[in-house]
Amino acid sequence: MDGVHDIGGLQGFGPVDAPPTEPVFHDDWERRAFRISMAAMMSFASAGGRFRHSIERMDPAHYLSSSYYEHWLTGVSTLVVEAGLASPEDLERRAGGVFLLSRADRGTAPSEPGPDQTEPRYAVGDRVRVREWHPLGHTRAPRYVQGKRGVVTRFDGAHNVPDVEAHGGGRVLDPTYSVRFSARELWGDGGADGATVNVDLWERYLQSDP
């Protein structure tokens, strides 16, 4: 899904601020939000893709003006409402004011996701290109690598395809790889010479690049 959450390499956002001594939780409410999110995913929202997509659906202005664990709180609250376990009015009454939720889910599971694939098509050293497409639903192929060329550096086994699982399509296995991209390939003149980025990608995202 193209969205404000997928801003890797876009100009105007500055460097990632990650202090080495930053605590896991800044406030107690963040710890509670984390616990609630874990409980929800273990009960009615077991697919990690569903939870990630609930955050991806946040209004851009809300996403950019809120903190990491507020993203989690918004996402899990949206899933709670969509599951019929609470209403927006319930949340606003408990919060004592406006409680923002994510926008409606427009994604759908593929009509024919295909059978499980466990044997890798690609080997370490193979050159590949990431498919370029713009789904309305969840995908784990970042926008900044779509259409870009890279080299397979590791095979990581077969795992469930989140694009399918996130939208109720069940569990379908697909080989996964670590693919290395040069910074120049990803960001042109904005990438440093010699710098590389490795991205974990499912096989169905990839094409051979002879």
N, C-alpha and C. Protein backbone atom coordinates (compact mmCIF):
# COMPACT_ATOMS: atom_id res chain seq x y z
N MET A 1 0.85 -1.19 0.00
CA MET A 1 0.00 0.00 0.00
C MET A 1 0.88 1.24 0.00
N ASP A 2 0.61 2.15 -0.90
CA ASP A 2 1.29 3.44 -0.89
C ASP A 2 0.67 4.29 0.21
N GLY A 3 1.49 4.79 1.11
CA GLY A 3 0.95 5.60 2.18
C GLY A 3 2.03 6.37 2.89
N VAL A 4 1.60 7.19 3.84
CA VAL A 4 2.53 8.04 4.55
C VAL A 4 3.48 7.23 5.42
N HIS A 5 3.10 5.98 5.75
CA HIS A 5 3.97 5.13 6.56
C HIS A 5 5.22 4.69 5.80
N ASP A 6 5.16 4.73 4.47
CA ASP A 6 6.22 4.18 3.61
C ASP A 6 7.02 5.34 3.03
N ILE A 7 7.86 5.98 3.85
CA ILE A 7 8.52 7.22 3.43
C ILE A 7 10.04 7.06 3.31
N GLY A 8 10.51 5.82 3.24
CA GLY A 8 11.95 5.59 3.18
C GLY A 8 12.61 6.34 2.05
N GLY A 9 13.53 7.23 2.38
CA GLY A 9 14.30 7.94 1.36
C GLY A 9 13.65 9.16 0.78
N LEU A 10 12.42 9.49 1.18
CA LEU A 10 11.77 10.67 0.63
C LEU A 10 12.39 11.93 1.21
N GLN A 11 12.50 12.95 0.39
CA GLN A 11 13.12 14.19 0.84
C GLN A 11 12.20 14.95 1.79
N GLY A 12 12.81 15.72 2.68
CA GLY A 12 12.06 16.61 3.54
C GLY A 12 11.81 16.09 4.93
N PHE A 13 12.12 14.81 5.19
CA PHE A 13 11.85 14.25 6.50
C PHE A 13 13.10 14.16 7.38
N GLY A 14 14.26 14.40 6.82
CA GLY A 14 15.48 14.41 7.60
C GLY A 14 15.93 13.02 8.00
N PRO A 15 17.04 12.94 8.74
CA PRO A 15 17.56 11.64 9.17
C PRO A 15 16.70 11.02 10.26
N VAL A 16 16.81 9.70 10.42
CA VAL A 16 16.11 9.00 11.49
C VAL A 16 16.79 9.32 12.82
N ASP A 17 16.01 9.81 13.77
CA ASP A 17 16.54 10.16 15.08
C ASP A 17 16.39 8.95 16.00
N ALA A 18 17.48 8.23 16.23
CA ALA A 18 17.44 7.03 17.06
C ALA A 18 18.55 7.09 18.11
N PRO A 19 18.32 7.81 19.20
CA PRO A 19 19.34 7.91 20.26
C PRO A 19 19.69 6.52 20.80
N PRO A 20 20.97 6.22 20.99
CA PRO A 20 21.37 4.88 21.44
C PRO A 20 20.89 4.54 22.84
N THR A 21 20.57 5.54 23.66
CA THR A 21 20.12 5.29 25.02
C THR A 21 18.62 5.48 25.19
N GLU A 22 17.89 5.54 24.08
CA GLU A 22 16.43 5.76 24.17
C GLU A 22 15.77 4.59 24.88
N PRO A 23 14.88 4.84 25.85
CA PRO A 23 14.20 3.73 26.55
C PRO A 23 13.18 3.06 25.66
N VAL A 24 12.86 1.82 25.99
CA VAL A 24 11.84 1.09 25.22
C VAL A 24 10.49 1.79 25.35
N PHE A 25 10.15 2.21 26.56
CA PHE A 25 8.89 2.92 26.80
C PHE A 25 9.21 4.25 27.50
N HIS A 26 8.70 5.33 26.94
CA HIS A 26 8.91 6.64 27.56
C HIS A 26 7.94 6.88 28.72
N ASP A 27 6.73 6.34 28.59
CA ASP A 27 5.70 6.53 29.61
C ASP A 27 4.98 5.21 29.83
N ASP A 28 4.28 5.12 30.96
CA ASP A 28 3.61 3.87 31.31
C ASP A 28 2.50 3.53 30.32
N TRP A 29 1.87 4.55 29.72
CA TRP A 29 0.78 4.27 28.79
C TRP A 29 1.30 3.54 27.55
N GLU A 30 2.56 3.78 27.19
CA GLU A 30 3.13 3.08 26.05
C GLU A 30 3.28 1.59 26.36
N ARG A 31 3.68 1.27 27.57
CA ARG A 31 3.79 -0.14 27.98
C ARG A 31 2.41 -0.80 27.93
N ARG A 32 1.39 -0.10 28.39
CA ARG A 32 0.04 -0.67 28.37
C ARG A 32 -0.45 -0.85 26.94
N ALA A 33 -0.14 0.12 26.06
CA ALA A 33 -0.54 0.00 24.65
C ALA A 33 0.11 -1.21 24.01
N PHE A 34 1.37 -1.44 24.34
CA PHE A 34 2.07 -2.60 23.81
C PHE A 34 1.41 -3.90 24.28
N ARG A 35 1.09 -3.97 25.56
CA ARG A 35 0.47 -5.18 26.10
C ARG A 35 -0.90 -5.43 25.47
N ILE A 36 -1.68 -4.38 25.32
CA ILE A 36 -3.01 -4.52 24.72
C ILE A 36 -2.90 -5.00 23.28
N SER A 37 -1.94 -4.45 22.55
CA SER A 37 -1.75 -4.85 21.15
C SER A 37 -1.36 -6.31 21.05
N MET A 38 -0.45 -6.76 21.92
CA MET A 38 -0.04 -8.16 21.91
C MET A 38 -1.22 -9.08 22.23
N ALA A 39 -2.04 -8.69 23.21
CA ALA A 39 -3.19 -9.50 23.58
C ALA A 39 -4.19 -9.59 22.44
N ALA A 40 -4.39 -8.47 21.75
CA ALA A 40 -5.34 -8.47 20.63
C ALA A 40 -4.85 -9.36 19.51
N MET A 41 -3.56 -9.29 19.19
CA MET A 41 -3.03 -10.10 18.09
C MET A 41 -3.06 -11.59 18.42
N MET A 42 -2.95 -11.93 19.69
CA MET A 42 -2.98 -13.33 20.08
C MET A 42 -4.41 -13.88 20.15
N SER A 43 -5.40 -12.98 20.15
CA SER A 43 -6.78 -13.43 20.25
C SER A 43 -7.52 -13.35 18.92
N PHE A 44 -7.87 -12.13 18.50
CA PHE A 44 -8.71 -12.01 17.30
C PHE A 44 -7.98 -11.46 16.10
N ALA A 45 -6.77 -10.98 16.26
CA ALA A 45 -6.05 -10.37 15.14
C ALA A 45 -4.67 -11.01 15.01
N SER A 46 -4.66 -12.34 14.89
CA SER A 46 -3.40 -13.08 14.93
C SER A 46 -2.48 -12.76 13.77
N ALA A 47 -3.04 -12.35 12.64
CA ALA A 47 -2.20 -12.05 11.47
C ALA A 47 -1.49 -10.72 11.66
N GLY A 48 -0.14 -10.78 11.70
CA GLY A 48 0.61 -9.55 11.87
C GLY A 48 0.34 -8.54 10.77
N GLY A 49 0.05 -9.03 9.56
CA GLY A 49 -0.25 -8.12 8.46
C GLY A 49 -1.50 -7.29 8.71
N ARG A 50 -2.49 -7.86 9.36
CA ARG A 50 -3.71 -7.11 9.68
C ARG A 50 -3.39 -5.94 10.59
N PHE A 51 -2.56 -6.20 11.60
CA PHE A 51 -2.20 -5.15 12.54
C PHE A 51 -1.39 -4.06 11.84
N ARG A 52 -0.39 -4.46 11.05
CA ARG A 52 0.41 -3.47 10.34
C ARG A 52 -0.46 -2.62 9.42
N HIS A 53 -1.41 -3.28 8.74
CA HIS A 53 -2.24 -2.54 7.80
C HIS A 53 -3.19 -1.58 8.53
N SER A 54 -3.58 -1.93 9.75
CA SER A 54 -4.43 -1.01 10.51
C SER A 54 -3.69 0.29 10.81
N ILE A 55 -2.37 0.22 10.94
CA ILE A 55 -1.57 1.43 11.13
C ILE A 55 -1.37 2.15 9.81
N GLU A 56 -1.14 1.39 8.75
CA GLU A 56 -0.95 1.99 7.42
C GLU A 56 -2.17 2.80 6.98
N ARG A 57 -3.34 2.46 7.52
CA ARG A 57 -4.58 3.13 7.13
C ARG A 57 -4.84 4.43 7.91
N MET A 58 -3.93 4.80 8.79
CA MET A 58 -4.12 6.05 9.54
C MET A 58 -4.14 7.24 8.60
N ASP A 59 -4.91 8.27 8.96
CA ASP A 59 -4.90 9.51 8.20
C ASP A 59 -3.47 10.07 8.22
N PRO A 60 -2.95 10.53 7.07
CA PRO A 60 -1.56 11.01 7.03
C PRO A 60 -1.24 12.06 8.08
N ALA A 61 -2.13 13.02 8.28
CA ALA A 61 -1.86 14.07 9.27
C ALA A 61 -1.75 13.49 10.67
N HIS A 62 -2.61 12.53 10.99
CA HIS A 62 -2.56 11.87 12.30
C HIS A 62 -1.28 11.06 12.43
N TYR A 63 -0.92 10.33 11.39
CA TYR A 63 0.28 9.48 11.44
C TYR A 63 1.54 10.32 11.70
N LEU A 64 1.68 11.40 10.97
CA LEU A 64 2.90 12.21 11.08
C LEU A 64 2.98 13.00 12.37
N SER A 65 1.85 13.24 13.01
CA SER A 65 1.85 14.05 14.23
C SER A 65 1.77 13.21 15.50
N SER A 66 1.84 11.90 15.37
CA SER A 66 1.71 11.02 16.54
C SER A 66 2.95 10.17 16.72
N SER A 67 3.10 9.62 17.92
CA SER A 67 4.28 8.84 18.26
C SER A 67 4.12 7.37 17.87
N TYR A 68 5.21 6.63 18.03
CA TYR A 68 5.24 5.21 17.63
C TYR A 68 4.14 4.41 18.30
N TYR A 69 4.04 4.51 19.62
CA TYR A 69 3.03 3.70 20.31
C TYR A 69 1.63 4.26 20.18
N GLU A 70 1.49 5.53 19.79
CA GLU A 70 0.16 6.00 19.43
C GLU A 70 -0.29 5.35 18.13
N HIS A 71 0.65 5.07 17.24
CA HIS A 71 0.31 4.30 16.04
C HIS A 71 -0.25 2.93 16.44
N TRP A 72 0.43 2.28 17.37
CA TRP A 72 -0.03 0.96 17.84
C TRP A 72 -1.42 1.08 18.45
N LEU A 73 -1.63 2.06 19.30
CA LEU A 73 -2.92 2.23 19.97
C LEU A 73 -4.03 2.49 18.95
N THR A 74 -3.75 3.33 17.96
CA THR A 74 -4.76 3.61 16.92
C THR A 74 -5.07 2.35 16.13
N GLY A 75 -4.02 1.61 15.75
CA GLY A 75 -4.23 0.40 14.95
C GLY A 75 -5.04 -0.64 15.67
N VAL A 76 -4.66 -0.96 16.91
CA VAL A 76 -5.38 -2.02 17.62
C VAL A 76 -6.79 -1.58 17.98
N SER A 77 -6.99 -0.30 18.27
CA SER A 77 -8.34 0.20 18.56
C SER A 77 -9.22 0.10 17.33
N THR A 78 -8.64 0.37 16.16
CA THR A 78 -9.39 0.23 14.91
C THR A 78 -9.83 -1.21 14.71
N LEU A 79 -8.94 -2.16 14.98
CA LEU A 79 -9.28 -3.58 14.83
C LEU A 79 -10.34 -4.00 15.84
N VAL A 80 -10.29 -3.45 17.05
CA VAL A 80 -11.30 -3.76 18.06
C VAL A 80 -12.67 -3.30 17.59
N VAL A 81 -12.75 -2.09 17.02
CA VAL A 81 -14.02 -1.57 16.52
C VAL A 81 -14.50 -2.41 15.33
N GLU A 82 -13.60 -2.73 14.41
CA GLU A 82 -13.99 -3.50 13.23
C GLU A 82 -14.43 -4.92 13.60
N ALA A 83 -13.93 -5.44 14.72
CA ALA A 83 -14.34 -6.77 15.18
C ALA A 83 -15.66 -6.73 15.95
N GLY A 84 -16.21 -5.53 16.16
CA GLY A 84 -17.47 -5.40 16.87
C GLY A 84 -17.35 -5.52 18.38
N LEU A 85 -16.14 -5.41 18.92
CA LEU A 85 -15.93 -5.53 20.36
C LEU A 85 -16.12 -4.21 21.10
N ALA A 86 -16.11 -3.12 20.37
CA ALA A 86 -16.35 -1.80 20.95
C ALA A 86 -16.82 -0.88 19.84
N SER A 87 -17.36 0.27 20.21
CA SER A 87 -17.79 1.25 19.22
C SER A 87 -16.92 2.48 19.34
N PRO A 88 -16.88 3.32 18.31
CA PRO A 88 -16.15 4.58 18.44
C PRO A 88 -16.64 5.41 19.62
N GLU A 89 -17.93 5.35 19.89
CA GLU A 89 -18.48 6.10 21.01
C GLU A 89 -17.95 5.56 22.34
N ASP A 90 -17.80 4.23 22.44
CA ASP A 90 -17.22 3.65 23.65
C ASP A 90 -15.82 4.20 23.90
N LEU A 91 -15.01 4.24 22.85
CA LEU A 91 -13.64 4.70 22.99
C LEU A 91 -13.58 6.18 23.37
N GLU A 92 -14.44 6.99 22.75
CA GLU A 92 -14.43 8.42 23.05
C GLU A 92 -14.91 8.69 24.48
N ARG A 93 -15.85 7.89 24.93
CA ARG A 93 -16.32 8.06 26.31
C ARG A 93 -15.21 7.73 27.30
N ARG A 94 -14.47 6.66 27.04
CA ARG A 94 -13.37 6.28 27.95
C ARG A 94 -12.21 7.27 27.86
N ALA A 95 -11.97 7.81 26.65
CA ALA A 95 -10.86 8.75 26.47
C ALA A 95 -11.22 10.15 26.95
N GLY A 96 -12.50 10.42 27.08
CA GLY A 96 -12.92 11.75 27.51
C GLY A 96 -12.83 12.79 26.41
N GLY A 97 -12.92 12.34 25.17
CA GLY A 97 -12.84 13.27 24.03
C GLY A 97 -12.68 12.52 22.73
N VAL A 98 -12.23 13.22 21.70
CA VAL A 98 -12.08 12.64 20.37
C VAL A 98 -11.06 11.50 20.40
N PHE A 99 -11.40 10.38 19.78
CA PHE A 99 -10.50 9.23 19.67
C PHE A 99 -10.41 8.87 18.19
N LEU A 100 -9.27 9.20 17.58
CA LEU A 100 -9.12 8.99 16.14
C LEU A 100 -8.85 7.53 15.81
N LEU A 101 -9.51 7.04 14.76
CA LEU A 101 -9.30 5.68 14.27
C LEU A 101 -8.76 5.73 12.84
N SER A 102 -8.28 4.59 12.37
CA SER A 102 -7.78 4.52 11.00
C SER A 102 -8.93 4.50 10.01
N ARG A 103 -8.61 4.77 8.77
CA ARG A 103 -9.62 4.78 7.72
C ARG A 103 -10.02 3.36 7.34
N ALA A 104 -11.09 3.23 6.57
CA ALA A 104 -11.61 1.91 6.19
C ALA A 104 -10.59 1.13 5.37
N ASP A 105 -10.62 -0.18 5.51
CA ASP A 105 -9.72 -1.07 4.78
C ASP A 105 -10.28 -1.27 3.36
N ARG A 106 -9.51 -0.88 2.35
CA ARG A 106 -9.93 -1.06 0.96
C ARG A 106 -9.24 -2.24 0.30
N GLY A 107 -8.37 -2.94 1.03
CA GLY A 107 -7.64 -4.06 0.45
C GLY A 107 -8.47 -5.33 0.40
N THR A 108 -8.13 -6.21 -0.50
CA THR A 108 -8.78 -7.51 -0.62
C THR A 108 -7.73 -8.59 -0.84
N ALA A 109 -8.03 -9.79 -0.39
CA ALA A 109 -7.11 -10.90 -0.61
C ALA A 109 -7.13 -11.30 -2.09
N PRO A 110 -6.02 -11.76 -2.65
CA PRO A 110 -6.01 -12.21 -4.05
C PRO A 110 -7.04 -13.32 -4.24
N SER A 111 -7.77 -13.28 -5.36
CA SER A 111 -8.79 -14.30 -5.61
C SER A 111 -8.17 -15.68 -5.78
N GLU A 112 -6.94 -15.73 -6.30
CA GLU A 112 -6.24 -17.00 -6.47
C GLU A 112 -4.81 -16.83 -5.97
N PRO A 113 -4.60 -16.92 -4.66
CA PRO A 113 -3.25 -16.71 -4.12
C PRO A 113 -2.25 -17.77 -4.51
N GLY A 114 -2.75 -18.91 -5.02
CA GLY A 114 -1.85 -19.97 -5.46
C GLY A 114 -1.48 -20.90 -4.32
N PRO A 115 -0.86 -22.04 -4.66
CA PRO A 115 -0.47 -23.02 -3.64
C PRO A 115 0.78 -22.58 -2.90
N ASP A 116 1.08 -23.31 -1.83
CA ASP A 116 2.33 -23.06 -1.11
C ASP A 116 3.53 -23.28 -2.01
N GLN A 117 4.52 -22.39 -1.88
CA GLN A 117 5.80 -22.56 -2.58
C GLN A 117 6.89 -22.58 -1.51
N THR A 118 7.63 -23.65 -1.45
CA THR A 118 8.67 -23.77 -0.42
C THR A 118 10.07 -23.88 -1.01
N GLU A 119 10.20 -24.29 -2.26
CA GLU A 119 11.51 -24.40 -2.89
C GLU A 119 11.90 -23.07 -3.52
N PRO A 120 13.07 -22.55 -3.20
CA PRO A 120 13.45 -21.23 -3.72
C PRO A 120 13.75 -21.26 -5.21
N ARG A 121 13.27 -20.24 -5.89
CA ARG A 121 13.58 -20.07 -7.31
C ARG A 121 14.94 -19.42 -7.50
N TYR A 122 15.35 -18.59 -6.55
CA TYR A 122 16.58 -17.83 -6.68
C TYR A 122 17.64 -18.35 -5.72
N ALA A 123 18.90 -18.14 -6.09
CA ALA A 123 20.03 -18.54 -5.26
C ALA A 123 20.85 -17.31 -4.90
N VAL A 124 21.68 -17.46 -3.89
CA VAL A 124 22.57 -16.37 -3.50
C VAL A 124 23.42 -15.95 -4.70
N GLY A 125 23.46 -14.66 -4.94
CA GLY A 125 24.20 -14.12 -6.07
C GLY A 125 23.35 -13.80 -7.28
N ASP A 126 22.10 -14.30 -7.31
CA ASP A 126 21.22 -14.01 -8.45
C ASP A 126 20.81 -12.53 -8.43
N ARG A 127 20.75 -11.95 -9.62
CA ARG A 127 20.27 -10.57 -9.77
C ARG A 127 18.75 -10.60 -9.97
N VAL A 128 18.06 -9.76 -9.23
CA VAL A 128 16.60 -9.73 -9.29
C VAL A 128 16.13 -8.29 -9.38
N ARG A 129 14.90 -8.14 -9.79
CA ARG A 129 14.25 -6.83 -9.82
C ARG A 129 12.93 -6.95 -9.08
N VAL A 130 12.61 -5.97 -8.25
CA VAL A 130 11.37 -5.98 -7.49
C VAL A 130 10.23 -5.51 -8.39
N ARG A 131 9.14 -6.27 -8.37
CA ARG A 131 7.97 -5.87 -9.14
C ARG A 131 7.51 -4.49 -8.68
N GLU A 132 6.96 -3.72 -9.60
CA GLU A 132 6.43 -2.40 -9.29
C GLU A 132 4.92 -2.42 -9.43
N TRP A 133 4.25 -2.28 -8.31
CA TRP A 133 2.79 -2.25 -8.31
C TRP A 133 2.33 -1.49 -7.08
N HIS A 134 1.07 -1.11 -7.08
CA HIS A 134 0.60 -0.21 -6.02
C HIS A 134 -0.74 -0.72 -5.47
N PRO A 135 -0.69 -1.76 -4.63
CA PRO A 135 -1.94 -2.33 -4.11
C PRO A 135 -2.61 -1.40 -3.11
N LEU A 136 -3.93 -1.52 -3.02
CA LEU A 136 -4.69 -0.77 -2.02
C LEU A 136 -4.55 -1.39 -0.64
N GLY A 137 -4.19 -2.68 -0.61
CA GLY A 137 -4.05 -3.38 0.66
C GLY A 137 -2.62 -3.45 1.13
N HIS A 138 -2.38 -4.39 2.04
CA HIS A 138 -1.09 -4.51 2.70
C HIS A 138 -0.06 -5.19 1.80
N THR A 139 1.18 -4.74 1.88
CA THR A 139 2.30 -5.43 1.26
C THR A 139 3.55 -5.14 2.06
N ARG A 140 4.48 -6.10 2.07
CA ARG A 140 5.74 -5.90 2.78
C ARG A 140 6.87 -5.52 1.82
N ALA A 141 6.52 -5.15 0.59
CA ALA A 141 7.52 -4.65 -0.37
C ALA A 141 7.54 -3.13 -0.29
N PRO A 142 8.53 -2.52 0.37
CA PRO A 142 8.54 -1.07 0.51
C PRO A 142 8.51 -0.37 -0.84
N ARG A 143 7.86 0.76 -0.87
CA ARG A 143 7.73 1.52 -2.12
C ARG A 143 9.09 1.88 -2.70
N TYR A 144 10.07 2.17 -1.82
CA TYR A 144 11.35 2.65 -2.34
C TYR A 144 12.20 1.57 -3.00
N VAL A 145 11.80 0.27 -2.87
CA VAL A 145 12.54 -0.77 -3.58
C VAL A 145 11.78 -1.28 -4.81
N GLN A 146 10.52 -0.88 -4.96
CA GLN A 146 9.74 -1.38 -6.09
C GLN A 146 10.33 -0.86 -7.40
N GLY A 147 10.53 -1.78 -8.32
CA GLY A 147 11.12 -1.44 -9.61
C GLY A 147 12.64 -1.38 -9.60
N LYS A 148 13.26 -1.64 -8.44
CA LYS A 148 14.71 -1.51 -8.31
C LYS A 148 15.39 -2.87 -8.45
N ARG A 149 16.67 -2.83 -8.85
CA ARG A 149 17.47 -4.04 -9.05
C ARG A 149 18.37 -4.30 -7.86
N GLY A 150 18.48 -5.57 -7.48
CA GLY A 150 19.34 -5.95 -6.37
C GLY A 150 19.91 -7.34 -6.57
N VAL A 151 20.60 -7.82 -5.54
CA VAL A 151 21.26 -9.12 -5.58
C VAL A 151 20.84 -9.92 -4.35
N VAL A 152 20.45 -11.18 -4.56
CA VAL A 152 20.08 -12.05 -3.45
C VAL A 152 21.32 -12.38 -2.63
N THR A 153 21.24 -12.14 -1.32
CA THR A 153 22.38 -12.44 -0.45
C THR A 153 22.09 -13.55 0.55
N ARG A 154 20.79 -13.93 0.71
CA ARG A 154 20.47 -14.98 1.68
C ARG A 154 19.08 -15.51 1.40
N PHE A 155 18.90 -16.83 1.57
CA PHE A 155 17.57 -17.45 1.52
C PHE A 155 17.15 -17.71 2.96
N ASP A 156 15.94 -17.26 3.33
CA ASP A 156 15.49 -17.32 4.71
C ASP A 156 14.34 -18.29 4.95
N GLY A 157 14.14 -19.23 4.03
CA GLY A 157 13.06 -20.19 4.21
C GLY A 157 11.74 -19.67 3.67
N ALA A 158 10.70 -20.51 3.79
CA ALA A 158 9.37 -20.14 3.30
C ALA A 158 8.50 -19.67 4.46
N HIS A 159 7.79 -18.56 4.25
CA HIS A 159 6.96 -17.98 5.31
C HIS A 159 5.63 -17.50 4.72
N ASN A 160 4.66 -17.27 5.61
CA ASN A 160 3.34 -16.84 5.18
C ASN A 160 3.41 -15.49 4.47
N VAL A 161 2.64 -15.36 3.40
CA VAL A 161 2.62 -14.12 2.63
C VAL A 161 1.70 -13.12 3.33
N PRO A 162 2.23 -12.03 3.86
CA PRO A 162 1.40 -11.09 4.62
C PRO A 162 0.34 -10.40 3.78
N ASP A 163 0.60 -10.19 2.49
CA ASP A 163 -0.37 -9.54 1.61
C ASP A 163 -1.67 -10.33 1.56
N VAL A 164 -1.57 -11.66 1.63
CA VAL A 164 -2.74 -12.54 1.59
C VAL A 164 -3.37 -12.64 2.97
N GLU A 165 -2.52 -12.89 3.98
CA GLU A 165 -2.99 -13.12 5.33
C GLU A 165 -3.70 -11.91 5.91
N ALA A 166 -3.22 -10.71 5.58
CA ALA A 166 -3.77 -9.48 6.16
C ALA A 166 -5.22 -9.25 5.80
N HIS A 167 -5.67 -9.84 4.70
CA HIS A 167 -7.03 -9.56 4.22
C HIS A 167 -7.90 -10.81 4.22
N GLY A 168 -7.59 -11.73 5.12
CA GLY A 168 -8.46 -12.89 5.31
C GLY A 168 -8.29 -13.98 4.27
N GLY A 169 -7.18 -13.98 3.55
CA GLY A 169 -6.98 -14.98 2.50
C GLY A 169 -6.30 -16.25 2.96
N GLY A 170 -6.08 -16.38 4.27
CA GLY A 170 -5.46 -17.60 4.78
C GLY A 170 -3.94 -17.52 4.76
N ARG A 171 -3.33 -18.66 5.01
CA ARG A 171 -1.88 -18.75 5.13
C ARG A 171 -1.32 -19.44 3.89
N VAL A 172 -0.51 -18.72 3.14
CA VAL A 172 0.12 -19.24 1.93
C VAL A 172 1.63 -19.05 2.06
N LEU A 173 2.38 -20.13 1.90
CA LEU A 173 3.84 -20.06 2.05
C LEU A 173 4.51 -19.60 0.77
N ASP A 174 5.59 -18.83 0.93
CA ASP A 174 6.37 -18.34 -0.20
C ASP A 174 7.82 -18.18 0.27
N PRO A 175 8.80 -18.51 -0.56
CA PRO A 175 10.20 -18.32 -0.16
C PRO A 175 10.50 -16.84 0.12
N THR A 176 11.38 -16.61 1.07
CA THR A 176 11.79 -15.24 1.41
C THR A 176 13.30 -15.11 1.29
N TYR A 177 13.75 -13.91 0.97
CA TYR A 177 15.17 -13.65 0.72
C TYR A 177 15.58 -12.32 1.35
N SER A 178 16.87 -12.21 1.59
CA SER A 178 17.47 -10.91 1.86
C SER A 178 18.10 -10.44 0.55
N VAL A 179 17.70 -9.26 0.10
CA VAL A 179 18.19 -8.74 -1.18
C VAL A 179 18.95 -7.44 -0.92
N ARG A 180 20.16 -7.36 -1.49
CA ARG A 180 21.01 -6.18 -1.30
C ARG A 180 20.84 -5.21 -2.47
N PHE A 181 20.63 -3.94 -2.13
CA PHE A 181 20.51 -2.87 -3.11
C PHE A 181 21.60 -1.84 -2.84
N SER A 182 22.14 -1.27 -3.89
CA SER A 182 23.04 -0.15 -3.69
C SER A 182 22.22 1.10 -3.38
N ALA A 183 22.78 1.98 -2.57
CA ALA A 183 22.07 3.22 -2.26
C ALA A 183 21.85 4.06 -3.51
N ARG A 184 22.78 3.96 -4.46
CA ARG A 184 22.63 4.70 -5.72
C ARG A 184 21.44 4.17 -6.52
N GLU A 185 21.23 2.84 -6.48
CA GLU A 185 20.10 2.25 -7.19
C GLU A 185 18.79 2.74 -6.59
N LEU A 186 18.74 2.85 -5.28
CA LEU A 186 17.50 3.22 -4.61
C LEU A 186 17.21 4.71 -4.69
N TRP A 187 18.26 5.55 -4.52
CA TRP A 187 18.02 6.98 -4.35
C TRP A 187 18.84 7.86 -5.29
N GLY A 188 19.47 7.25 -6.29
CA GLY A 188 20.20 8.05 -7.27
C GLY A 188 21.31 8.86 -6.62
N ASP A 189 21.38 10.13 -6.95
CA ASP A 189 22.42 11.00 -6.41
C ASP A 189 22.31 11.19 -4.90
N GLY A 190 21.16 10.85 -4.34
CA GLY A 190 21.00 10.98 -2.90
C GLY A 190 21.63 9.84 -2.12
N GLY A 191 22.06 8.79 -2.82
CA GLY A 191 22.68 7.65 -2.16
C GLY A 191 24.19 7.77 -2.14
N ALA A 192 24.79 7.36 -1.04
CA ALA A 192 26.25 7.46 -0.90
C ALA A 192 26.94 6.36 -1.69
N ASP A 193 28.07 6.68 -2.28
CA ASP A 193 28.87 5.69 -3.00
C ASP A 193 29.28 4.57 -2.05
N GLY A 194 29.09 3.32 -2.49
CA GLY A 194 29.51 2.17 -1.69
C GLY A 194 28.53 1.74 -0.63
N ALA A 195 27.53 2.55 -0.34
CA ALA A 195 26.54 2.19 0.68
C ALA A 195 25.52 1.22 0.10
N THR A 196 25.08 0.26 0.90
CA THR A 196 24.09 -0.72 0.46
C THR A 196 23.00 -0.86 1.52
N VAL A 197 21.87 -1.38 1.08
CA VAL A 197 20.73 -1.63 1.97
C VAL A 197 20.21 -3.04 1.68
N ASN A 198 20.03 -3.85 2.71
CA ASN A 198 19.42 -5.17 2.55
C ASN A 198 17.97 -5.12 2.99
N VAL A 199 17.09 -5.70 2.16
CA VAL A 199 15.65 -5.71 2.44
C VAL A 199 15.16 -7.15 2.35
N ASP A 200 14.35 -7.58 3.32
CA ASP A 200 13.76 -8.92 3.30
C ASP A 200 12.51 -8.90 2.42
N LEU A 201 12.46 -9.80 1.43
CA LEU A 201 11.39 -9.78 0.44
C LEU A 201 10.90 -11.20 0.13
N TRP A 202 9.61 -11.31 -0.11
CA TRP A 202 9.02 -12.58 -0.53
C TRP A 202 9.27 -12.80 -2.03
N GLU A 203 9.32 -14.07 -2.43
CA GLU A 203 9.66 -14.39 -3.81
C GLU A 203 8.66 -13.82 -4.80
N ARG A 204 7.40 -13.78 -4.43
CA ARG A 204 6.39 -13.29 -5.39
C ARG A 204 6.55 -11.80 -5.67
N TYR A 205 7.38 -11.11 -4.91
CA TYR A 205 7.66 -9.71 -5.19
C TYR A 205 8.75 -9.55 -6.26
N LEU A 206 9.44 -10.65 -6.59
CA LEU A 206 10.68 -10.55 -7.38
C LEU A 206 10.53 -11.08 -8.78
N GLN A 207 11.38 -10.55 -9.66
CA GLN A 207 11.52 -11.04 -11.03
C GLN A 207 13.00 -11.21 -11.32
N SER A 208 13.32 -12.12 -12.25
CA SER A 208 14.72 -12.27 -12.65
C SER A 208 15.18 -11.02 -13.38
N ASP A 209 16.43 -10.66 -13.19
CA ASP A 209 17.00 -9.49 -13.84
C ASP A 209 18.28 -9.94 -14.56
N PRO A 210 18.15 -10.47 -15.77
CA PRO A 210 19.32 -11.01 -16.48
C PRO A 210 20.35 -9.94 -16.79
